């Protein structure tokens, strides 16, 4: 079935224009793979024999974002705002000395030569959109056996796997991600090369590693991805803190499923396609503090202080992977608060309402639910909090302040550090429902903190 999208139509126009100018041009890479798998591609890339200079001169609106690597973005001039099509010139790369970029980029007129420098056979397919697109396999151009590997469900490196991974070490993580996303197997030689070269991922920028891991966590098969990371030896290289979860026992009365690693996989198994990155990382790291706090006490296994330790470890992971401040705050908040649900039934009304004020509280609810399902299966605390949260109007959780510092000054109190304590006491009483007017608020301050100074 052909896609019905603006991006697809724009890519066809680019191919048509390039061919009219006398150049070869094909749809290339992931979009071809997805079309053959019956999936809707996210975008459509074009590979061509035209050099970047030609592409830049041929289309009215272009962006030379990667022209030194043969890549130009072509804006869809007929349809403002519909986006861009990535157009890459056929190339034959030289040696890679930094594990990411070729030392020399040589353009070539050979589509086959261009394909053979790509990463995996399933990503090395071209498609001629001018052929009968109702018969996609016949329109595919396959120099590397990618169509057969799609049928067999195999992720296989093009040519020698060790050479492909030496060129760009991130390809090892990408191979795991593709295998997990599509439910494929890693070809034996490809898997062996990853195990042999896994330590080389240390040379990859932490941002690129973070982005690959985030994709694994949010593409709907996070458990499979992390099981593969473990099997290939990549996990201990990129996330040793998570690898240490393996074999860390838990009290069976609360965790009949098994050790911390098995429990964490149970959470990852519940992450849906497109879930938020912060929730996904919160699920992965919520118990990262358990391995270093494991203690076999006389009564049972204990993890004293594992939440605080986990927050500290996760903060270091977020710093290492250069998460934004906003994402770091949310990931750490999820870890810091994931055990509070068991106390919710005993919380004062003011404490419970402040709990509900946590940013993106829906993610806290989602994490606790996954945590329960992956463990004992007891959702009693989650149901209690969910019902209270749904029933409580926003104005009850964040009511308009009865008084501010201005009213305290007007009442004769000198500005200072005590204002915060006074206003907190007033807000507590307001949230508890024991006061409801500014006059009652000022009377509470006078009673508790004394007459104005």
Protein backbone atom coordinates (compact mmCIF):
# COMPACT_ATOMS: atom_id res chain seq x y z
CA UNK A 1 0.00 0.00 0.00
CA UNK A 2 1.46 3.36 -1.03
CA UNK A 3 1.77 6.08 1.59
CA UNK A 4 -0.54 9.03 1.36
CA UNK A 5 1.50 11.86 2.81
CA UNK A 6 2.85 15.26 1.92
CA UNK A 7 6.39 14.10 2.66
CA UNK A 8 6.07 11.22 0.20
CA UNK A 9 4.68 13.49 -2.51
CA UNK A 10 7.47 15.99 -1.88
CA UNK A 11 10.12 13.26 -2.18
CA UNK A 12 8.60 12.08 -5.47
CA UNK A 13 8.80 15.62 -6.81
CA UNK A 14 12.48 15.79 -5.83
CA UNK A 15 13.21 12.46 -7.54
CA UNK A 16 11.34 13.60 -10.66
CA UNK A 17 13.22 16.90 -10.82
CA UNK A 18 16.60 15.22 -10.43
CA UNK A 19 15.82 12.68 -13.11
CA UNK A 20 14.56 15.37 -15.48
CA UNK A 21 17.95 17.03 -15.06
CA UNK A 22 19.66 13.80 -16.12
CA UNK A 23 20.70 12.37 -12.74
CA UNK A 24 19.92 9.07 -11.04
CA UNK A 25 17.69 9.41 -8.00
CA UNK A 26 15.98 6.88 -5.73
CA UNK A 27 14.19 6.68 -2.42
CA UNK A 28 16.75 5.27 0.00
CA UNK A 29 17.32 3.77 3.41
CA UNK A 30 14.79 3.47 6.21
CA UNK A 31 11.79 4.62 4.21
CA UNK A 32 12.30 1.78 1.73
CA UNK A 33 12.66 -0.72 4.56
CA UNK A 34 9.47 0.52 6.20
CA UNK A 35 7.50 0.50 2.95
CA UNK A 36 8.50 -3.11 2.32
CA UNK A 37 7.48 -4.00 5.88
CA UNK A 38 4.10 -2.35 5.38
CA UNK A 39 4.89 0.42 7.85
CA UNK A 40 4.34 4.15 7.43
CA UNK A 41 7.77 5.83 7.14
CA UNK A 42 8.43 8.87 9.29
CA UNK A 43 10.29 10.58 6.45
CA UNK A 44 11.51 9.93 2.93
CA UNK A 45 15.15 10.31 1.95
CA UNK A 46 16.54 10.52 -1.57
CA UNK A 47 19.91 9.25 -2.84
CA UNK A 48 21.21 10.68 -6.10
CA UNK A 49 24.20 10.87 -8.43
CA UNK A 50 23.89 14.68 -8.44
CA UNK A 51 26.53 16.46 -6.35
CA UNK A 52 25.50 18.83 -3.55
CA UNK A 53 26.37 21.82 -5.72
CA UNK A 54 23.99 20.57 -8.40
CA UNK A 55 21.22 19.94 -5.86
CA UNK A 56 21.70 23.39 -4.31
CA UNK A 57 21.38 24.99 -7.73
CA UNK A 58 18.51 22.86 -8.96
CA UNK A 59 15.94 23.64 -6.26
CA UNK A 60 14.83 27.12 -5.17
CA UNK A 61 14.77 26.47 -1.40
CA UNK A 62 17.61 24.37 0.01
CA UNK A 63 19.67 24.07 3.19
CA UNK A 64 23.27 22.88 3.04
CA UNK A 65 23.22 21.41 6.55
CA UNK A 66 25.47 18.47 5.67
CA UNK A 67 26.85 19.39 2.28
CA UNK A 68 30.40 18.42 3.32
CA UNK A 69 29.06 14.88 3.70
CA UNK A 70 26.96 15.11 0.56
CA UNK A 71 23.65 15.95 2.26
CA UNK A 72 21.30 18.79 1.30
CA UNK A 73 17.80 19.48 2.59
CA UNK A 74 15.34 20.43 -0.13
CA UNK A 75 12.28 22.37 1.01
CA UNK A 76 9.00 21.64 -0.71
CA UNK A 77 8.68 24.92 -2.57
CA UNK A 78 5.12 24.28 -3.79
CA UNK A 79 3.80 23.70 -0.31
CA UNK A 80 5.06 26.11 2.32
CA UNK A 81 5.53 24.49 5.72
CA UNK A 82 5.32 20.89 4.54
CA UNK A 83 8.92 20.22 5.53
CA UNK A 84 12.06 19.13 3.75
CA UNK A 85 13.44 16.12 1.91
CA UNK A 86 16.96 14.95 2.70
CA UNK A 87 18.93 14.46 -0.51
CA UNK A 88 22.27 12.63 -0.26
CA UNK A 89 24.81 12.27 -3.04
CA UNK A 90 26.09 8.76 -3.78
CA UNK A 91 29.41 8.49 -2.01
CA UNK A 92 32.27 6.15 -1.24
CA UNK A 93 33.78 6.85 2.15
CA UNK A 94 37.44 6.65 3.00
CA UNK A 95 38.83 5.44 6.31
CA UNK A 96 37.19 6.40 9.61
CA UNK A 97 39.76 7.41 12.21
CA UNK A 98 37.39 8.85 14.81
CA UNK A 99 34.81 6.07 14.93
CA UNK A 100 32.13 8.31 13.49
CA UNK A 101 33.10 10.36 10.40
CA UNK A 102 35.00 9.31 7.27
CA UNK A 103 38.36 11.03 6.86
CA UNK A 104 37.56 11.65 3.21
CA UNK A 105 34.22 11.74 1.39
CA UNK A 106 34.38 10.80 -2.26
CA UNK A 107 31.35 11.16 -4.47
CA UNK A 108 30.58 8.37 -6.87
CA UNK A 109 28.22 7.79 -9.76
CA UNK A 110 27.56 4.24 -8.56
CA UNK A 111 24.44 3.58 -6.52
CA UNK A 112 25.82 0.18 -5.54
CA UNK A 113 29.03 1.67 -4.19
CA UNK A 114 26.95 4.08 -2.12
CA UNK A 115 24.82 1.26 -0.69
CA UNK A 116 27.81 -0.86 0.29
CA UNK A 117 29.16 1.78 2.67
CA UNK A 118 25.87 1.82 4.66
CA UNK A 119 25.29 0.00 7.95
CA UNK A 120 22.77 -2.87 7.65
CA UNK A 121 21.31 -4.73 4.71
CA UNK A 122 17.75 -3.81 5.65
CA UNK A 123 18.80 -0.12 5.51
CA UNK A 124 20.72 -0.54 2.25
CA UNK A 125 17.74 -0.74 -0.08
CA UNK A 126 16.81 1.70 -2.83
CA UNK A 127 13.41 2.14 -4.42
CA UNK A 128 12.64 3.39 -7.91
CA UNK A 129 9.40 5.36 -7.46
CA UNK A 130 8.96 5.63 -11.21
CA UNK A 131 8.31 1.89 -11.46
CA UNK A 132 5.06 0.14 -10.59
CA UNK A 133 4.72 1.08 -6.93
CA UNK A 134 1.81 -1.31 -6.50
CA UNK A 135 4.45 -4.05 -6.59
CA UNK A 136 7.00 -2.68 -4.13
CA UNK A 137 9.43 -5.64 -4.13
CA UNK A 138 9.84 -5.34 -7.90
CA UNK A 139 10.56 -1.62 -7.55
CA UNK A 140 13.26 -2.25 -4.93
CA UNK A 141 16.92 -2.19 -5.90
CA UNK A 142 18.82 -4.60 -3.68
CA UNK A 143 22.60 -4.97 -3.90
CA UNK A 144 23.14 -6.47 -0.44
CA UNK A 145 20.37 -9.01 0.23
CA UNK A 146 18.27 -6.64 2.28
CA UNK A 147 14.92 -7.87 0.92
CA UNK A 148 15.70 -11.44 1.92
CA UNK A 149 16.80 -10.32 5.40
CA UNK A 150 13.52 -8.45 5.81
CA UNK A 151 11.68 -11.66 4.96
CA UNK A 152 13.86 -13.70 7.33
CA UNK A 153 13.68 -11.11 10.11
CA UNK A 154 17.44 -10.57 10.39
CA UNK A 155 19.60 -7.54 11.13
CA UNK A 156 22.85 -8.13 9.27
CA UNK A 157 25.75 -5.73 8.75
CA UNK A 158 26.67 -4.98 5.15
CA UNK A 159 29.95 -6.69 4.29
CA UNK A 160 32.27 -7.30 7.24
CA UNK A 161 30.48 -6.40 10.45
CA UNK A 162 33.67 -5.50 12.29
CA UNK A 163 34.60 -2.97 9.60
CA UNK A 164 31.14 -1.40 9.65
CA UNK A 165 31.33 -1.01 13.45
CA UNK A 166 34.89 0.29 13.39
CA UNK A 167 33.69 3.00 11.00
CA UNK A 168 30.94 4.18 13.30
CA UNK A 169 30.78 2.63 16.76
CA UNK A 170 27.20 3.84 17.26
CA UNK A 171 26.09 1.31 14.64
CA UNK A 172 26.32 -1.39 17.30
CA UNK A 173 23.60 0.30 19.32
CA UNK A 174 21.59 0.97 16.17
CA UNK A 175 21.75 -2.72 15.28
CA UNK A 176 20.29 -3.64 18.66
CA UNK A 177 17.59 -1.00 18.29
CA UNK A 178 16.51 -2.19 14.86
CA UNK A 179 16.42 -5.81 15.99
CA UNK A 180 14.24 -4.91 18.97
CA UNK A 181 11.97 -2.51 17.08
CA UNK A 182 11.10 -5.02 14.37
CA UNK A 183 11.31 -8.16 16.49
CA UNK A 184 14.23 -9.37 14.35
CA UNK A 185 17.29 -11.39 15.28
CA UNK A 186 20.86 -10.18 15.08
CA UNK A 187 22.73 -12.23 12.48
CA UNK A 188 25.36 -14.40 14.16
CA UNK A 189 28.40 -12.65 12.67
CA UNK A 190 26.92 -9.23 13.39
CA UNK A 191 26.19 -10.18 16.99
CA UNK A 192 29.70 -11.62 17.45
CA UNK A 193 31.26 -8.42 16.12
CA UNK A 194 29.23 -6.35 18.58
CA UNK A 195 30.34 -8.50 21.50
CA UNK A 196 33.94 -8.15 20.37
CA UNK A 197 33.84 -4.38 19.87
CA UNK A 198 31.29 -3.30 22.50
CA UNK A 199 33.89 -1.41 24.55
CA UNK A 200 34.46 0.94 21.61
CA UNK A 201 31.14 2.63 22.37
CA UNK A 202 33.06 4.56 25.05
CA UNK A 203 34.40 6.73 22.22
CA UNK A 204 30.91 7.71 21.02
CA UNK A 205 29.55 11.06 22.19
CA UNK A 206 27.25 10.61 25.16
CA UNK A 207 24.50 12.59 23.42
CA UNK A 208 24.41 10.12 20.51
CA UNK A 209 24.33 7.18 22.92
CA UNK A 210 21.56 8.86 24.94
CA UNK A 211 19.46 9.42 21.84
CA UNK A 212 19.80 5.77 20.75
CA UNK A 213 18.89 4.52 24.21
CA UNK A 214 15.91 6.87 24.35
CA UNK A 215 14.67 5.53 21.03
CA UNK A 216 15.01 1.98 22.35
CA UNK A 217 12.97 2.94 25.40
CA UNK A 218 10.18 4.66 23.49
CA UNK A 219 9.69 2.54 20.36
CA UNK A 220 7.49 -0.04 22.04
CA UNK A 221 9.91 -2.92 22.59
CA UNK A 222 12.12 -1.59 25.37
CA UNK A 223 12.43 -4.91 27.17
CA UNK A 224 13.68 -6.69 24.07
CA UNK A 225 16.15 -3.89 23.40
CA UNK A 226 17.67 -4.03 26.87
CA UNK A 227 17.81 -7.80 26.86
CA UNK A 228 19.78 -7.54 23.61
CA UNK A 229 22.02 -4.85 25.07
CA UNK A 230 22.80 -7.24 27.88
CA UNK A 231 23.35 -10.26 25.63
CA UNK A 232 25.76 -8.36 23.37
CA UNK A 233 27.79 -6.85 26.21
CA UNK A 234 26.75 -3.31 25.34
CA UNK A 235 24.75 -2.72 28.53
CA UNK A 236 27.73 -2.88 30.86
CA UNK A 237 29.57 -0.45 28.58
CA UNK A 238 26.91 2.23 28.22
CA UNK A 239 24.92 1.80 31.47
CA UNK A 240 27.00 -0.15 33.99
CA UNK A 241 24.69 1.05 36.78
CA UNK A 242 21.80 -0.82 35.16
CA UNK A 243 23.93 -3.88 34.40
CA UNK A 244 24.65 -4.14 38.15
CA UNK A 245 20.95 -4.86 38.76
CA UNK A 246 21.46 -8.42 37.52
CA UNK A 247 21.47 -10.98 40.30
CA UNK A 248 20.51 -8.50 43.04
CA UNK A 249 17.90 -10.41 45.03
CA UNK A 250 14.69 -8.87 46.33
CA UNK A 251 12.36 -9.95 49.16
CA UNK A 252 10.06 -12.53 47.52
CA UNK A 253 7.04 -11.45 49.55
CA UNK A 254 7.12 -8.12 47.73
CA UNK A 255 8.86 -9.15 44.52
CA UNK A 256 7.92 -12.68 43.52
CA UNK A 257 9.10 -11.92 39.96
CA UNK A 258 12.78 -12.11 40.85
CA UNK A 259 15.83 -9.86 41.07
CA UNK A 260 16.08 -6.12 40.40
CA UNK A 261 17.00 -6.68 36.74
CA UNK A 262 13.99 -8.92 36.11
CA UNK A 263 11.77 -6.41 37.89
CA UNK A 264 13.10 -3.53 35.80
CA UNK A 265 12.55 -5.51 32.60
CA UNK A 266 8.96 -5.93 33.75
CA UNK A 267 8.54 -2.16 33.76
CA UNK A 268 10.23 -1.75 30.39
CA UNK A 269 7.83 -4.33 28.98
CA UNK A 270 4.95 -1.95 29.72
CA UNK A 271 6.37 1.11 27.95
CA UNK A 272 4.25 1.83 24.91
CA UNK A 273 5.20 3.27 21.54
CA UNK A 274 5.73 7.00 21.86
CA UNK A 275 5.75 7.13 25.66
CA UNK A 276 7.52 10.15 27.11
CA UNK A 277 11.29 9.92 27.36
CA UNK A 278 11.27 11.03 30.99
CA UNK A 279 8.80 8.33 32.03
CA UNK A 280 10.84 5.74 30.14
CA UNK A 281 14.10 6.75 31.81
CA UNK A 282 12.33 6.95 35.16
CA UNK A 283 11.12 3.37 34.69
CA UNK A 284 14.63 2.22 33.76
CA UNK A 285 16.33 3.95 36.69
CA UNK A 286 13.69 3.89 39.44
CA UNK A 287 15.52 1.14 41.35
CA UNK A 288 19.08 2.01 40.29
CA UNK A 289 19.87 2.64 43.96
CA UNK A 290 19.12 -0.93 45.03
CA UNK A 291 22.37 -2.69 44.04
CA UNK A 292 24.61 -0.50 46.23
CA UNK A 293 22.16 -0.57 49.18
CA UNK A 294 21.43 -4.32 49.20
CA UNK A 295 21.46 -5.75 52.73
CA UNK A 296 20.41 -9.15 54.00
CA UNK A 297 18.83 -8.29 57.37
CA UNK A 298 17.66 -10.91 59.93
CA UNK A 299 14.03 -10.45 58.90
CA UNK A 300 14.37 -9.96 55.15
CA UNK A 301 16.36 -8.39 52.32
CA UNK A 302 16.47 -4.62 52.67
CA UNK A 303 17.52 -1.64 50.55
CA UNK A 304 17.86 1.10 53.14
CA UNK A 305 18.00 4.54 51.56
CA UNK A 306 17.83 3.19 48.03
CA UNK A 307 15.66 6.09 46.86
CA UNK A 308 18.17 8.77 47.89
CA UNK A 309 21.08 6.74 46.55
CA UNK A 310 19.14 6.12 43.34
CA UNK A 311 18.50 9.84 42.86
CA UNK A 312 22.23 10.52 43.23
CA UNK A 313 23.19 7.80 40.75
CA UNK A 314 20.54 8.90 38.27
CA UNK A 315 21.72 12.50 38.57
CA UNK A 316 25.19 11.37 37.53
CA UNK A 317 23.75 9.39 34.61
CA UNK A 318 21.74 12.40 33.46
CA UNK A 319 24.82 14.59 33.71
CA UNK A 320 26.91 12.05 31.81
CA UNK A 321 24.37 11.80 29.02
CA UNK A 322 23.82 15.57 29.00
CA UNK A 323 20.08 15.54 29.55
CA UNK A 324 18.42 18.93 29.60
CA UNK A 325 17.82 20.46 33.01
CA UNK A 326 14.08 20.05 32.55
CA UNK A 327 14.30 16.35 31.70
CA UNK A 328 16.79 15.74 34.50
CA UNK A 329 14.44 17.32 37.04
CA UNK A 330 11.55 15.14 35.94
CA UNK A 331 13.55 11.89 35.84
CA UNK A 332 14.94 12.54 39.32
CA UNK A 333 11.50 13.53 40.63
CA UNK A 334 10.05 10.25 39.37
CA UNK A 335 12.74 8.29 41.19
CA UNK A 336 12.55 10.40 44.34
CA UNK A 337 8.77 10.01 44.69
CA UNK A 338 8.09 6.50 43.42
CA UNK A 339 7.84 5.03 46.93
CA UNK A 340 5.51 7.71 48.35
CA UNK A 341 2.32 6.10 47.07
CA UNK A 342 2.29 3.61 49.94
CA UNK A 343 2.04 6.54 52.38
CA UNK A 344 -0.75 8.35 50.54
CA UNK A 345 -3.56 6.90 52.68
CA UNK A 346 -1.93 8.33 55.81
CA UNK A 347 -1.06 11.73 54.36
CA UNK A 348 -2.67 14.90 55.67
CA UNK A 349 -4.85 16.62 53.09
CA UNK A 350 -2.22 19.34 52.62
CA UNK A 351 0.54 16.78 52.06
CA UNK A 352 -1.55 14.82 49.57
CA UNK A 353 -2.42 17.96 47.64
CA UNK A 354 1.23 18.97 47.48
CA UNK A 355 1.99 15.46 46.24
CA UNK A 356 -0.51 16.06 43.43
CA UNK A 357 1.31 19.28 42.56
CA UNK A 358 4.35 17.39 41.33
CA UNK A 359 5.06 18.37 37.76
CA UNK A 360 3.52 15.95 35.24
CA UNK A 361 1.88 13.96 38.01
CA UNK A 362 0.35 11.62 35.44
CA UNK A 363 3.86 10.25 34.88
CA UNK A 364 4.22 9.51 38.59
CA UNK A 365 0.95 7.62 38.46
CA UNK A 366 2.06 5.71 35.38
CA UNK A 367 5.41 4.77 36.92
CA UNK A 368 3.85 3.53 40.16
CA UNK A 369 1.32 1.43 38.25
CA UNK A 370 4.06 -0.18 36.16
CA UNK A 371 6.12 -0.75 39.31
CA UNK A 372 3.20 -2.58 40.96
CA UNK A 373 2.37 -4.69 37.92
CA UNK A 374 6.01 -5.72 37.52
CA UNK A 375 6.10 -6.75 41.19
CA UNK A 376 3.39 -7.99 43.51
CA UNK A 377 0.56 -6.88 41.22
CA UNK A 378 -1.13 -5.06 44.12
CA UNK A 379 -2.62 -1.82 42.79
CA UNK A 380 -4.34 -0.77 46.03
CA UNK A 381 -2.23 2.34 46.63
CA UNK A 382 -2.32 3.33 42.96
CA UNK A 383 -6.12 3.08 42.89
CA UNK A 384 -6.43 5.17 46.04
CA UNK A 385 -4.23 7.95 44.66
CA UNK A 386 -5.76 7.78 41.18
CA UNK A 387 -9.29 8.15 42.55
CA UNK A 388 -8.36 11.07 44.82
CA UNK A 389 -6.40 12.79 42.06
CA UNK A 390 -9.22 12.45 39.51
CA UNK A 391 -11.86 13.63 41.98
CA UNK A 392 -9.97 16.66 43.27
CA UNK A 393 -10.54 19.89 41.31
CA UNK A 394 -7.53 21.97 40.33
CA UNK A 395 -8.61 24.88 42.53
CA UNK A 396 -8.49 22.57 45.56
CA UNK A 397 -4.94 21.46 44.73
CA UNK A 398 -3.66 24.94 43.85
CA UNK A 399 -6.01 27.40 45.55
CA UNK A 400 -5.55 31.13 45.26
CA UNK A 401 -3.37 32.29 48.21
CA UNK A 402 -5.39 33.86 50.99
CA UNK A 403 -2.58 36.27 51.81
CA UNK A 404 0.86 37.18 50.49
CA UNK A 405 3.87 38.99 51.90
CA UNK A 406 2.18 42.25 51.07
CA UNK A 407 -0.63 41.57 53.55
CA UNK A 408 1.89 40.53 56.20
CA UNK A 409 3.75 43.83 55.78
CA UNK A 410 0.47 45.73 55.91
CA UNK A 411 -0.32 43.90 59.14
CA UNK A 412 2.93 45.19 60.63
CA UNK A 413 5.32 42.28 60.17
CA UNK A 414 8.86 43.10 59.11
CA UNK A 415 9.98 41.35 55.92
CA UNK A 416 12.40 38.50 56.52
CA UNK A 417 13.06 34.78 56.44
CA UNK A 418 10.08 34.15 58.70
CA UNK A 419 7.64 35.12 55.95
CA UNK A 420 8.16 31.79 54.21
CA UNK A 421 7.27 29.82 57.34
CA UNK A 422 4.23 32.02 57.98
CA UNK A 423 2.88 31.68 54.45
CA UNK A 424 3.54 27.93 54.49
CA UNK A 425 1.51 27.58 57.70
CA UNK A 426 -1.33 29.57 56.15
CA UNK A 427 -1.28 27.48 53.00
CA UNK A 428 -1.26 24.25 55.03
CA UNK A 429 -4.36 25.35 56.91
CA UNK A 430 -6.02 26.45 53.69
CA UNK A 431 -5.29 23.08 52.06
CA UNK A 432 -6.58 21.29 55.16
CA UNK A 433 -9.78 23.32 54.89
CA UNK A 434 -9.54 24.85 58.38
CA UNK A 435 -9.38 28.43 57.12
CA UNK A 436 -10.89 30.08 54.06
CA UNK A 437 -10.52 33.87 54.32
CA UNK A 438 -7.73 36.42 54.53
CA UNK A 439 -8.93 37.46 57.98
CA UNK A 440 -8.68 33.88 59.22
CA UNK A 441 -5.22 33.60 57.68
CA UNK A 442 -3.93 36.69 59.51
CA UNK A 443 -5.47 35.47 62.77
CA UNK A 444 -3.63 32.15 62.34
CA UNK A 445 -0.34 34.02 61.84
CA UNK A 446 -0.92 36.15 64.97
CA UNK A 447 -1.84 33.10 67.03
CA UNK A 448 1.08 30.96 65.89
CA UNK A 449 3.83 33.52 65.36
CA UNK A 450 2.86 36.31 67.71
CA UNK A 451 1.67 39.85 67.18
CA UNK A 452 3.20 42.01 64.50
CA UNK A 453 6.73 43.24 65.16
